[in-house]
Every structure is written in structure tokens, then in C-alpha cells.
Amino acid sequence: MGFHSAITDTTDFYGQLTYEHLELSGSFQGNSGSADDNGLGANIGIRSMLTDNIELAGNIGYLDEADESETSFGVSAYYYPIANTAVGVNYEVWDGIDFISANLRIAF
């Protein structure tokens, strides 16, 4: 669930509340393990259209799951080749762990 509010014609402030399901598994030299848990998250950020085709954003997030909490910081860049469709990259840091992702966004 989220919202956004215009700051200027090209810049929005946004927020999200999320329900998270986390699932981890791995194995090494014949040993394996897995864990899963649920939690709640929140994000706030600013995103701005620098040109008609390029959007930059930054955010701060919080996740509370299994009696532990984490704070994240992220930045993203999106390119809109056609109206309502974008491709982008995100970079986030969660407690010293870096995440990089590629995304496809379709707005309707």
C-alpha cells in the first residue's frame, strides 16, 4: 500500500507500507539450511523526472521481522522508452549488504 504527493511538477514524495515474506535457503559441502519469516516494512522517498525520459529516486526503508529490524538506503534510475513503461536499475544497502536489481515498470 502506498501514496505519493507532488512537490513540484516533476518531483514526488512517496511512501509505502509493505507486508514481507522472507525465505532463505542454502547449502555448502553437503550441509543445507533454510529459514522463512514474515514482517512489516515502510519506505519513504523522493523521485524526480530529470527529463521526459529519465527518472532518479532515493529512499529510506525500514523492515521489522522476527524481532529484528533493519534500515535500508536506496537509489534508482529509470528510463522511459515509451509512455507508462520504464526499465531501471536499483541499488540498496541493508545493514552492510548490497543489493542490485534490474526492473521493468508498467503504469496503468
Protein backbone atom coordinates (compact mmCIF):
# COMPACT_ATOMS: atom_id res chain seq x y z
CA MET A 1 0.00 0.00 0.00
CA GLY A 2 1.42 3.38 -0.89
CA PHE A 3 0.85 7.02 -1.68
CA HIS A 4 2.58 9.89 -3.45
CA SER A 5 2.28 13.64 -3.33
CA ALA A 6 3.63 16.17 -5.81
CA ILE A 7 6.30 18.53 -4.52
CA THR A 8 6.78 20.18 -7.94
CA ASP A 9 5.58 19.39 -11.46
CA THR A 10 8.38 16.84 -11.85
CA THR A 11 9.12 15.67 -8.28
CA ASP A 12 7.07 13.45 -5.95
CA PHE A 13 7.36 12.47 -2.31
CA TYR A 14 6.18 8.88 -1.75
CA GLY A 15 5.65 6.34 0.98
CA GLN A 16 4.82 2.64 1.22
CA LEU A 17 3.74 0.20 3.89
CA THR A 18 4.51 -3.41 2.99
CA TYR A 19 3.94 -6.95 4.19
CA GLU A 20 7.09 -9.01 3.61
CA HIS A 21 7.61 -12.75 3.33
CA LEU A 22 11.30 -13.64 3.55
CA GLU A 23 12.62 -17.04 2.58
CA LEU A 24 16.28 -18.09 2.61
CA SER A 25 17.91 -21.38 1.77
CA GLY A 26 21.40 -22.55 1.02
CA SER A 27 23.81 -25.43 1.02
CA PHE A 28 27.55 -25.84 1.32
CA GLN A 29 29.66 -29.00 1.31
CA GLY A 30 26.72 -31.30 1.95
CA ASN A 31 25.15 -29.16 4.66
CA SER A 32 21.96 -27.24 3.99
CA GLY A 33 19.60 -24.97 5.83
CA SER A 34 16.59 -22.79 5.31
CA ALA A 35 14.51 -20.22 7.14
CA ASP A 36 11.43 -18.16 6.45
CA ASP A 37 9.58 -15.42 8.28
CA ASN A 38 7.09 -12.61 7.82
CA GLY A 39 7.40 -8.94 8.65
CA LEU A 40 6.26 -5.39 8.06
CA GLY A 41 8.13 -2.69 6.18
CA ALA A 42 7.94 1.01 5.43
CA ASN A 43 9.66 3.19 2.82
CA ILE A 44 9.74 6.91 2.17
CA GLY A 45 11.46 8.59 -0.72
CA ILE A 46 11.65 11.24 -3.39
CA ARG A 47 11.59 10.66 -7.13
CA SER A 48 12.07 13.20 -9.86
CA MET A 49 11.82 13.27 -13.64
CA LEU A 50 15.06 14.93 -14.76
CA THR A 51 13.95 14.86 -18.39
CA ASP A 52 10.88 13.49 -20.18
CA ASN A 53 12.56 10.04 -20.22
CA ILE A 54 14.81 9.83 -17.14
CA GLU A 55 13.73 9.46 -13.51
CA LEU A 56 16.01 9.37 -10.45
CA ALA A 57 14.90 8.40 -6.94
CA GLY A 58 16.22 7.92 -3.43
CA ASN A 59 14.62 6.24 -0.43
CA ILE A 60 15.00 5.17 3.17
CA GLY A 61 13.37 1.93 4.30
CA TYR A 62 12.68 0.03 7.49
CA LEU A 63 11.89 -3.68 7.93
CA ASP A 64 10.76 -5.38 11.13
CA GLU A 65 10.67 -9.18 11.10
CA ALA A 66 11.32 -11.92 13.63
CA ASP A 67 12.01 -9.41 16.42
CA GLU A 68 14.80 -7.82 14.37
CA SER A 69 14.80 -4.57 12.45
CA GLU A 70 16.84 -3.27 9.54
CA THR A 71 17.19 0.13 7.93
CA SER A 72 17.93 0.46 4.22
CA PHE A 73 19.04 3.21 1.88
CA GLY A 74 18.49 3.07 -1.86
CA VAL A 75 18.79 4.91 -5.15
CA SER A 76 17.30 4.10 -8.54
CA ALA A 77 17.32 5.31 -12.12
CA TYR A 78 14.63 4.61 -14.72
CA TYR A 79 14.45 5.21 -18.45
CA TYR A 80 11.03 5.57 -20.13
CA PRO A 81 11.35 4.49 -23.80
CA ILE A 82 7.56 4.85 -24.26
CA ALA A 83 4.78 6.35 -22.15
CA ASN A 84 3.92 4.40 -18.96
CA THR A 85 6.74 1.87 -19.44
CA ALA A 86 10.19 2.08 -17.87
CA VAL A 87 13.31 -0.01 -17.40
CA GLY A 88 15.54 0.70 -14.46
CA VAL A 89 18.23 -0.25 -12.01
CA ASN A 90 18.13 -0.09 -8.21
CA TYR A 91 20.89 -0.14 -5.63
CA GLU A 92 20.07 -0.73 -1.95
CA VAL A 93 22.14 -1.22 1.19
CA TRP A 94 20.66 -3.27 4.07
CA ASP A 95 22.91 -3.41 7.14
CA GLY A 96 26.07 -3.54 5.03
CA ILE A 97 24.68 -5.94 2.40
CA ASP A 98 24.38 -4.52 -1.13
CA PHE A 99 21.50 -5.36 -3.48
CA ILE A 100 21.42 -4.50 -7.17
CA SER A 101 18.36 -5.17 -9.31
CA ALA A 102 17.05 -4.54 -12.80
CA ASN A 103 13.36 -3.73 -13.19
CA LEU A 104 10.56 -3.32 -15.68
CA ARG A 105 7.82 -0.88 -14.61
CA ILE A 106 4.43 -0.63 -16.36
CA ALA A 107 1.98 2.01 -15.12
CA PHE A 108 -1.74 1.80 -15.82
